[in-house]
Structures are given as C-alpha cells and as structure tokens.
Amino acid sequence: MTRHFLLIMLIAILPYLPGQAQSIRPLTAGTKTSLRGLSAPDDQVVWSSGSNGFVGRSTDGGIHWTWRQVPGFERTDFRDIEAFDSLTAVIMGISDPGYILRTDDGGNHWQVVYADSTKGVFMDAMHLLPDGRGIVVGDPIDEKLYAVETTDNGRKWQRVDPAKLPSLEDGEAFFASSGGNVMLYDNSSFGAVTGGVSSRWLTTAGSVRLPLQQGRQSTGANAVAAGYNGRLVVVGGDFANDKRTDSTCAVSIDGGKTWLIPTIGLNGYRSSVTHLGNGRFLACGTSGVDISEDGGMHWRLVTGEGFHVSTHSKCGKRNYLAGSNGRVAVVENIDR
C-alpha cells in the first residue's frame, strides 16, 4: 500500500474521526421549563422560550441569563420565539387559545399582538424574515392548514384565507417540537413539512411525499433547514421510539422536487435541524445531536445528550441548543 494511497484514505475519513468531533458546553440549566423556542440574533444575544410561561435571555453569549414568567401566561407553553435584537422578540403560545406576544424592552413587558380562541387552534411553528414578513402555521382546522401572517415584524397579525392554503390529508398535521417546520421565502411563498399518518413537503405550488417514517401520530417530519443552491434537509422519525434510526432524514438538492435518503443517516429521532454554512448541518433530538459535513448525506453523533431545538446565530458563528429542565448549551469547535 503506497504512501499516496494512505494519504488519500486519511483525507477521506478525516471529517469522521472522533478526535475532530465538536463538543457541547452547558450554559445554563435548572429552570422549571422545557425549552423548544430558541433564537440568536448574533453571537452574544440569545433568547429561549418554553413551558410554564418562561422566556430566557442572555446578552453575553450565554454567560448570564435572565429568566421570566410572562405575567398572566404562567401555564402557557411558548413553543417558538423569533428575536430581532437584545430588546425585541416575538413568542408563540400554542393553544387554548393560541397567542402571539411581542416585547420591545428585553422581555420586561409583553403585548398580546394576536389571539385566537377558535376551537381546535394549535400553533406549531413561526418564521420571520428581516424585511418584516412572517408566518405562523398550525394544525389543520376543517382539513385546511391554519396560518397567520405579519408584514411589520410581528406587531400585527392576520389569518390567511384557508382557501389559499393546501389541504391536509386525514391524520396529517405539524409537530410543535422546535419551531422548525416552516420557512418563508423572499418571494412570499412558504414551505413546510408535516407529520403523522402522512409526512409531506408542502409549498404554495404543491406537495411531495417524504421518504420518512409515517403512518402513526408520533411519526414524520419535524423540521426543515435550507442550505445553498436549493438544498433542503428534513429531519424527524418517531418521537415515541426516539432511538429508531431508519427513515429519519431526507435531503433534496432541487428545492424539494425530489428527495434522497442519506448514505449514513441520523442516530435516532431528531426534532430540529440547522444549517451552519458551507454544507454543514446540525440536528438534535431527545436521543442526541448529530452533525453532517456534506449537505446531510453523512451524519455522525456529537453527543447522546438530548436537546429539543438548535439555532445558528443570524449574524455570527455560534450554534446554540436548548432542551428540558431549562438547559441551554453551545456547540464548541463548530468552525474547525
């Protein structure tokens, strides 16, 4: 075996060597909340939201945290959050009724900007763009996708006409697991991934069935992330069997028209996926965290510790994780 051949083999396997793996550094834990909302406007500012009405904020990269229960919403589960800076953020309460709140003073005060007590309302995920437009999707009402939208950074919201939205199949819905199952594009169209009895990639132009676990209420897609040049990565699986590894990820290189199954898949159910740049993706769920260096086609385990949600800072390089028991962590060596 020649030196030249050995060098080629070493280069090929280098990204997967254990010594090169990223590590998870805990930042905070112990608050009585399960965190599923996470947003980082930059490397220093990070917000998180969760059950029991809690919202957390750090302005120094996670060294110090301020945790508050939103007055009057101590029993609300805030499953998603979108933060603009250290002072401004929007949070989404899932149901009974569904609420959207906004703060302009760092979480000291919150204003209800949208409330819906319609029977069956259950909000699942939210996505806001820098130009002020945003969307929230929820479980179907009368077999129609539920959605509300904003054009002014979440100050005012209105329900989208159900007739303009795709119909959902019997037993098909969304998971409010990480706020990651919908994305709004610059041309005002959106894409979303569904789960349950059916799991599909939905857009305003149509739908494509995903090659993921489906057929049960606990199965299907949980989150989607967009890379460059039309690449999409979807993660999910079966949250009731979170160590099952087959059919937990799908990759598209043509904007969602067709879907591929990774060569080396995820190490279990994953509820969140984040694009880190340069073809790298990070996925997390209750059974661990995985990273891919090649656009989602090969994955390796970072840790078996479970987290619900991940996010990459919008103007920076840091990647944060959040989960049960008020845990927030940062992924180290992400830029190696």
Protein backbone atom coordinates (compact mmCIF):
# COMPACT_ATOMS: atom_id res chain seq x y z
CA MET A 1 0.00 0.00 0.00
CA THR A 2 1.66 3.24 -1.13
CA ARG A 3 2.01 6.44 0.90
CA HIS A 4 -0.04 8.23 -1.73
CA PHE A 5 -2.95 5.84 -1.25
CA LEU A 6 -2.74 6.13 2.55
CA LEU A 7 -2.82 9.92 2.31
CA ILE A 8 -5.94 9.80 0.16
CA MET A 9 -7.65 7.47 2.64
CA LEU A 10 -6.73 9.71 5.57
CA ILE A 11 -8.16 12.79 3.87
CA ALA A 12 -11.37 10.88 3.08
CA ILE A 13 -12.04 9.78 6.65
CA LEU A 14 -10.68 12.83 8.49
CA PRO A 15 -14.09 14.54 8.94
CA TYR A 16 -15.40 11.45 10.76
CA LEU A 17 -12.53 10.84 13.18
CA PRO A 18 -13.61 11.07 16.85
CA GLY A 19 -10.75 13.44 17.70
CA GLN A 20 -12.24 16.02 15.35
CA ALA A 21 -15.72 15.95 16.87
CA GLN A 22 -17.45 19.02 18.17
CA SER A 23 -18.32 19.22 21.86
CA ILE A 24 -21.30 20.55 23.81
CA ARG A 25 -20.69 23.12 26.56
CA PRO A 26 -23.58 23.71 29.00
CA LEU A 27 -24.51 27.34 29.61
CA THR A 28 -27.50 27.18 31.95
CA ALA A 29 -29.91 24.66 33.47
CA GLY A 30 -32.36 24.19 36.31
CA THR A 31 -35.23 26.49 35.38
CA LYS A 32 -38.53 24.57 35.52
CA THR A 33 -39.29 24.77 31.84
CA SER A 34 -38.93 22.59 28.74
CA LEU A 35 -37.38 24.79 26.05
CA ARG A 36 -38.43 24.45 22.41
CA GLY A 37 -38.07 28.05 21.24
CA LEU A 38 -34.56 29.36 20.50
CA SER A 39 -33.31 32.41 18.59
CA ALA A 40 -29.90 34.13 18.39
CA PRO A 41 -29.78 37.48 16.54
CA ASP A 42 -25.98 37.45 16.94
CA ASP A 43 -23.28 35.58 18.84
CA GLN A 44 -23.86 37.44 22.10
CA VAL A 45 -27.65 37.73 22.20
CA VAL A 46 -29.72 34.55 22.58
CA TRP A 47 -33.37 34.09 23.62
CA SER A 48 -35.25 30.92 24.53
CA SER A 49 -38.88 30.14 25.36
CA GLY A 50 -40.72 27.17 26.78
CA SER A 51 -43.33 25.69 29.06
CA ASN A 52 -44.75 27.28 32.23
CA GLY A 53 -44.67 30.68 30.53
CA PHE A 54 -40.87 31.07 30.71
CA VAL A 55 -38.69 33.22 28.46
CA GLY A 56 -34.93 33.43 28.92
CA ARG A 57 -32.46 35.97 27.56
CA SER A 58 -28.68 36.38 27.57
CA THR A 59 -26.74 39.32 26.15
CA ASP A 60 -23.23 38.00 26.79
CA GLY A 61 -23.12 34.77 24.84
CA GLY A 62 -24.88 32.70 27.47
CA ILE A 63 -22.70 33.51 30.48
CA HIS A 64 -25.52 35.19 32.38
CA TRP A 65 -29.26 34.62 31.94
CA THR A 66 -32.45 36.39 32.92
CA TRP A 67 -35.50 34.11 33.22
CA ARG A 68 -39.03 35.48 33.49
CA GLN A 69 -42.52 34.02 33.51
CA VAL A 70 -44.74 36.20 31.35
CA PRO A 71 -47.40 37.61 33.74
CA GLY A 72 -50.79 36.04 33.08
CA PHE A 73 -49.26 33.27 30.95
CA GLU A 74 -47.69 31.09 33.64
CA ARG A 75 -49.40 27.99 32.21
CA THR A 76 -48.72 28.77 28.56
CA ASP A 77 -46.26 26.71 26.52
CA PHE A 78 -44.27 29.11 24.34
CA ARG A 79 -43.03 26.66 21.69
CA ASP A 80 -41.32 29.19 19.42
CA ILE A 81 -39.53 32.52 19.59
CA GLU A 82 -38.08 34.90 16.99
CA ALA A 83 -35.70 37.58 18.30
CA PHE A 84 -34.57 40.66 16.38
CA ASP A 85 -32.03 42.02 18.87
CA SER A 86 -31.43 42.26 22.63
CA LEU A 87 -34.69 44.15 23.17
CA THR A 88 -37.17 42.87 20.60
CA ALA A 89 -38.69 39.40 20.28
CA VAL A 90 -41.93 37.61 19.37
CA ILE A 91 -43.16 34.46 21.15
CA MET A 92 -45.84 31.94 20.17
CA GLY A 93 -48.13 30.17 22.66
CA ILE A 94 -49.53 27.01 21.17
CA SER A 95 -53.17 26.58 22.22
CA ASP A 96 -56.28 27.16 24.35
CA PRO A 97 -56.29 29.82 22.95
CA GLY A 98 -53.34 30.40 20.64
CA TYR A 99 -51.34 33.55 21.41
CA ILE A 100 -48.58 35.64 19.84
CA LEU A 101 -46.84 38.20 22.06
CA ARG A 102 -44.17 40.83 21.38
CA THR A 103 -41.68 42.71 23.55
CA ASP A 104 -39.67 45.85 22.78
CA ASP A 105 -37.91 46.20 26.13
CA GLY A 106 -35.96 42.98 26.59
CA GLY A 107 -38.86 40.97 28.00
CA ASN A 108 -39.79 43.31 30.84
CA HIS A 109 -43.21 43.79 29.28
CA TRP A 110 -45.12 41.75 26.69
CA GLN A 111 -48.01 42.81 24.48
CA VAL A 112 -50.56 40.37 23.06
CA VAL A 113 -50.48 41.05 19.31
CA TYR A 114 -52.66 38.12 18.24
CA ALA A 115 -55.07 35.76 19.99
CA ASP A 116 -57.33 33.07 18.54
CA SER A 117 -59.78 31.07 20.65
CA THR A 118 -61.24 29.17 17.68
CA LYS A 119 -61.93 25.56 18.63
CA GLY A 120 -59.03 23.36 17.55
CA VAL A 121 -56.41 26.11 17.23
CA PHE A 122 -52.92 24.75 17.90
CA MET A 123 -49.99 26.82 16.64
CA ASP A 124 -46.86 24.86 15.78
CA ALA A 125 -44.08 26.99 14.33
CA MET A 126 -43.10 30.51 13.33
CA HIS A 127 -40.66 32.10 10.88
CA LEU A 128 -39.94 35.82 10.45
CA LEU A 129 -37.79 37.46 7.78
CA PRO A 130 -35.63 40.61 8.19
CA ASP A 131 -37.94 42.54 5.84
CA GLY A 132 -40.79 42.35 8.37
CA ARG A 133 -42.78 39.47 6.90
CA GLY A 134 -43.55 36.40 8.95
CA ILE A 135 -45.76 33.34 9.15
CA VAL A 136 -47.12 31.01 11.83
CA VAL A 137 -48.55 27.61 10.87
CA GLY A 138 -50.79 25.41 12.95
CA ASP A 139 -52.65 22.13 12.95
CA PRO A 140 -55.49 21.86 10.43
CA ILE A 141 -58.96 23.20 11.02
CA ASP A 142 -61.61 21.63 8.77
CA GLU A 143 -58.75 19.79 6.97
CA LYS A 144 -57.17 23.10 5.94
CA LEU A 145 -53.75 24.25 7.01
CA TYR A 146 -54.00 27.02 9.62
CA ALA A 147 -51.75 30.05 9.10
CA VAL A 148 -51.44 33.66 10.23
CA GLU A 149 -49.09 36.25 8.78
CA THR A 150 -47.44 39.57 9.55
CA THR A 151 -45.78 42.27 7.43
CA ASP A 152 -44.48 44.54 10.21
CA ASN A 153 -42.09 42.43 12.30
CA GLY A 154 -44.88 40.82 14.29
CA ARG A 155 -46.69 43.92 15.51
CA LYS A 156 -49.93 42.91 13.79
CA TRP A 157 -51.09 39.51 12.53
CA GLN A 158 -53.99 38.31 10.44
CA ARG A 159 -55.25 34.88 9.48
CA VAL A 160 -54.52 33.67 5.95
CA ASP A 161 -57.61 32.74 3.95
CA PRO A 162 -57.82 28.91 4.29
CA ALA A 163 -58.96 28.68 0.66
CA LYS A 164 -55.49 29.88 -0.38
CA LEU A 165 -53.71 27.18 1.61
CA PRO A 166 -53.05 23.49 0.82
CA SER A 167 -55.41 20.85 2.13
CA LEU A 168 -54.02 18.30 4.55
CA GLU A 169 -54.66 14.57 4.39
CA ASP A 170 -56.53 12.68 7.08
CA GLY A 171 -54.24 12.32 10.10
CA GLU A 172 -51.65 14.79 8.74
CA ALA A 173 -50.57 17.74 10.88
CA PHE A 174 -47.48 19.53 12.24
CA PHE A 175 -45.26 18.99 15.26
CA ALA A 176 -44.70 21.87 17.68
CA SER A 177 -41.36 20.33 18.60
CA SER A 178 -38.82 23.01 17.70
CA GLY A 179 -40.44 25.78 15.68
CA GLY A 180 -38.57 24.48 12.66
CA ASN A 181 -41.18 23.00 10.34
CA VAL A 182 -41.95 26.12 8.27
CA MET A 183 -39.84 28.52 6.24
CA LEU A 184 -40.85 31.71 4.45
CA TYR A 185 -39.12 32.63 1.21
CA ASP A 186 -38.24 36.09 -0.08
CA ASN A 187 -40.90 35.80 -2.80
CA SER A 188 -43.69 35.45 -0.18
CA SER A 189 -44.16 31.72 -0.75
CA PHE A 190 -43.52 29.24 2.04
CA GLY A 191 -42.54 25.65 2.57
CA ALA A 192 -43.48 23.37 5.44
CA VAL A 193 -43.01 19.75 6.49
CA THR A 194 -45.77 17.66 8.01
CA GLY A 195 -46.02 14.52 10.11
CA GLY A 196 -48.43 11.97 11.49
CA VAL A 197 -50.21 9.49 9.27
CA SER A 198 -48.76 11.37 6.27
CA SER A 199 -45.46 13.23 6.01
CA ARG A 200 -45.01 15.65 3.12
CA TRP A 201 -43.12 18.71 1.91
CA LEU A 202 -45.80 21.35 1.30
CA THR A 203 -45.49 24.57 -0.67
CA THR A 204 -47.92 27.03 -2.22
CA ALA A 205 -47.23 25.22 -5.51
CA GLY A 206 -47.97 21.65 -4.37
CA SER A 207 -46.68 18.79 -2.26
CA VAL A 208 -44.23 15.87 -2.32
CA ARG A 209 -44.35 12.84 -0.01
CA LEU A 210 -41.21 12.48 2.10
CA PRO A 211 -39.27 9.21 2.50
CA LEU A 212 -39.58 9.35 6.30
CA GLN A 213 -41.30 7.24 8.92
CA GLN A 214 -45.05 7.89 8.80
CA GLY A 215 -48.35 6.20 9.47
CA ARG A 216 -48.64 6.97 13.21
CA GLN A 217 -49.38 10.14 15.15
CA SER A 218 -45.81 10.16 16.52
CA THR A 219 -44.04 9.80 13.15
CA GLY A 220 -42.98 12.08 10.33
CA ALA A 221 -41.03 15.24 9.65
CA ASN A 222 -40.32 17.67 12.48
CA ALA A 223 -38.09 20.33 10.94
CA VAL A 224 -36.51 21.58 7.72
CA ALA A 225 -33.42 23.69 7.02
CA ALA A 226 -32.31 25.30 3.77
CA GLY A 227 -28.74 25.32 2.54
CA TYR A 228 -27.36 26.78 -0.67
CA ASN A 229 -28.41 26.13 -4.28
CA GLY A 230 -31.78 24.58 -3.50
CA ARG A 231 -30.57 22.11 -0.89
CA LEU A 232 -33.06 21.20 1.84
CA VAL A 233 -32.57 18.88 4.80
CA VAL A 234 -35.56 17.44 6.67
CA VAL A 235 -35.36 15.54 9.96
CA GLY A 236 -37.89 13.62 12.04
CA GLY A 237 -38.64 10.00 12.79
CA ASP A 238 -40.75 8.64 15.63
CA PHE A 239 -40.64 10.60 18.88
CA ALA A 240 -42.26 7.63 20.67
CA ASN A 241 -39.30 5.47 19.59
CA ASP A 242 -36.50 8.02 19.53
CA LYS A 243 -33.62 5.56 19.07
CA ARG A 244 -35.00 4.13 15.83
CA THR A 245 -32.54 5.23 13.15
CA ASP A 246 -34.13 4.39 9.80
CA SER A 247 -36.02 6.97 7.71
CA THR A 248 -35.25 9.90 10.00
CA CYS A 249 -33.73 12.26 7.40
CA ALA A 250 -34.31 13.29 3.78
CA VAL A 251 -32.26 15.57 1.53
CA SER A 252 -33.29 17.50 -1.57
CA ILE A 253 -30.87 19.17 -3.98
CA ASP A 254 -33.57 20.66 -6.21
CA GLY A 255 -35.65 22.76 -3.85
CA GLY A 256 -37.93 19.94 -2.74
CA LYS A 257 -38.95 18.40 -6.06
CA THR A 258 -37.22 15.11 -5.28
CA TRP A 259 -35.80 13.64 -2.07
CA LEU A 260 -32.83 11.42 -1.24
CA ILE A 261 -32.10 9.21 1.77
CA PRO A 262 -28.68 9.87 3.37
CA THR A 263 -25.91 7.32 2.86
CA ILE A 264 -25.18 7.39 6.61
CA GLY A 265 -28.26 8.50 8.50
CA LEU A 266 -29.05 10.08 11.83
CA ASN A 267 -28.58 8.22 15.10
CA GLY A 268 -32.26 8.44 16.05
CA TYR A 269 -35.26 10.74 16.04
CA ARG A 270 -34.41 14.42 15.57
CA SER A 271 -36.74 17.37 16.17
CA SER A 272 -34.57 20.23 14.88
CA VAL A 273 -32.06 20.85 12.09
CA THR A 274 -29.90 23.91 11.44
CA HIS A 275 -27.75 24.96 8.50
CA LEU A 276 -24.31 26.01 9.75
CA GLY A 277 -22.98 27.18 6.38
CA ASN A 278 -20.58 25.58 3.90
CA GLY A 279 -22.75 22.48 3.51
CA ARG A 280 -22.77 21.63 7.23
CA PHE A 281 -25.94 20.81 9.15
CA LEU A 282 -26.60 20.10 12.82
CA ALA A 283 -29.59 18.03 14.01
CA CYS A 284 -30.79 17.40 17.56
CA GLY A 285 -33.49 15.43 19.32
CA THR A 286 -34.26 13.61 22.53
CA SER A 287 -31.71 10.87 21.79
CA GLY A 288 -28.77 13.04 20.78
CA VAL A 289 -27.09 15.52 18.44
CA ASP A 290 -25.62 14.77 15.01
CA ILE A 291 -23.57 16.78 12.53
CA SER A 292 -23.15 16.46 8.75
CA GLU A 293 -20.22 17.97 6.86
CA ASP A 294 -21.54 17.19 3.38
CA GLY A 295 -25.03 18.58 3.00
CA GLY A 296 -26.85 15.96 5.04
CA MET A 297 -25.67 12.82 3.22
CA HIS A 298 -23.41 11.53 6.02
CA TRP A 299 -24.06 12.07 9.73
CA ARG A 300 -22.04 11.36 12.86
CA LEU A 301 -23.02 11.57 16.52
CA VAL A 302 -21.76 14.54 18.55
CA THR A 303 -23.40 13.54 21.83
CA GLY A 304 -26.09 11.21 23.13
CA GLU A 305 -27.46 14.00 25.34
CA GLY A 306 -30.90 15.06 24.17
CA PHE A 307 -31.98 18.55 23.13
CA HIS A 308 -35.20 19.79 21.54
CA VAL A 309 -34.00 22.69 19.39
CA SER A 310 -30.90 24.22 17.82
CA THR A 311 -30.22 27.55 16.16
CA HIS A 312 -27.32 29.23 14.39
CA SER A 313 -26.82 32.92 15.13
CA LYS A 314 -28.25 35.09 12.37
CA CYS A 315 -25.25 37.41 12.35
CA GLY A 316 -22.41 35.34 13.72
CA LYS A 317 -20.86 31.90 14.04
CA ARG A 318 -22.24 30.35 17.24
CA ASN A 319 -24.70 27.48 17.41
CA TYR A 320 -26.92 27.05 20.45
CA LEU A 321 -29.00 24.13 21.74
CA ALA A 322 -31.89 24.05 24.23
CA GLY A 323 -33.93 21.32 25.88
CA SER A 324 -35.62 20.08 29.03
CA ASN A 325 -35.00 21.42 32.56
CA GLY A 326 -34.14 24.87 31.21
CA ARG A 327 -30.94 23.61 29.56
CA VAL A 328 -29.11 25.79 27.02
CA ALA A 329 -25.74 24.84 25.56
CA VAL A 330 -23.32 25.99 22.89
CA VAL A 331 -21.63 23.76 20.32
CA GLU A 332 -17.83 24.17 20.51
CA ASN A 333 -15.37 23.80 17.59
CA ILE A 334 -18.16 24.39 15.11
CA ASP A 335 -15.84 26.28 12.73
CA ARG A 336 -12.99 23.83 12.56
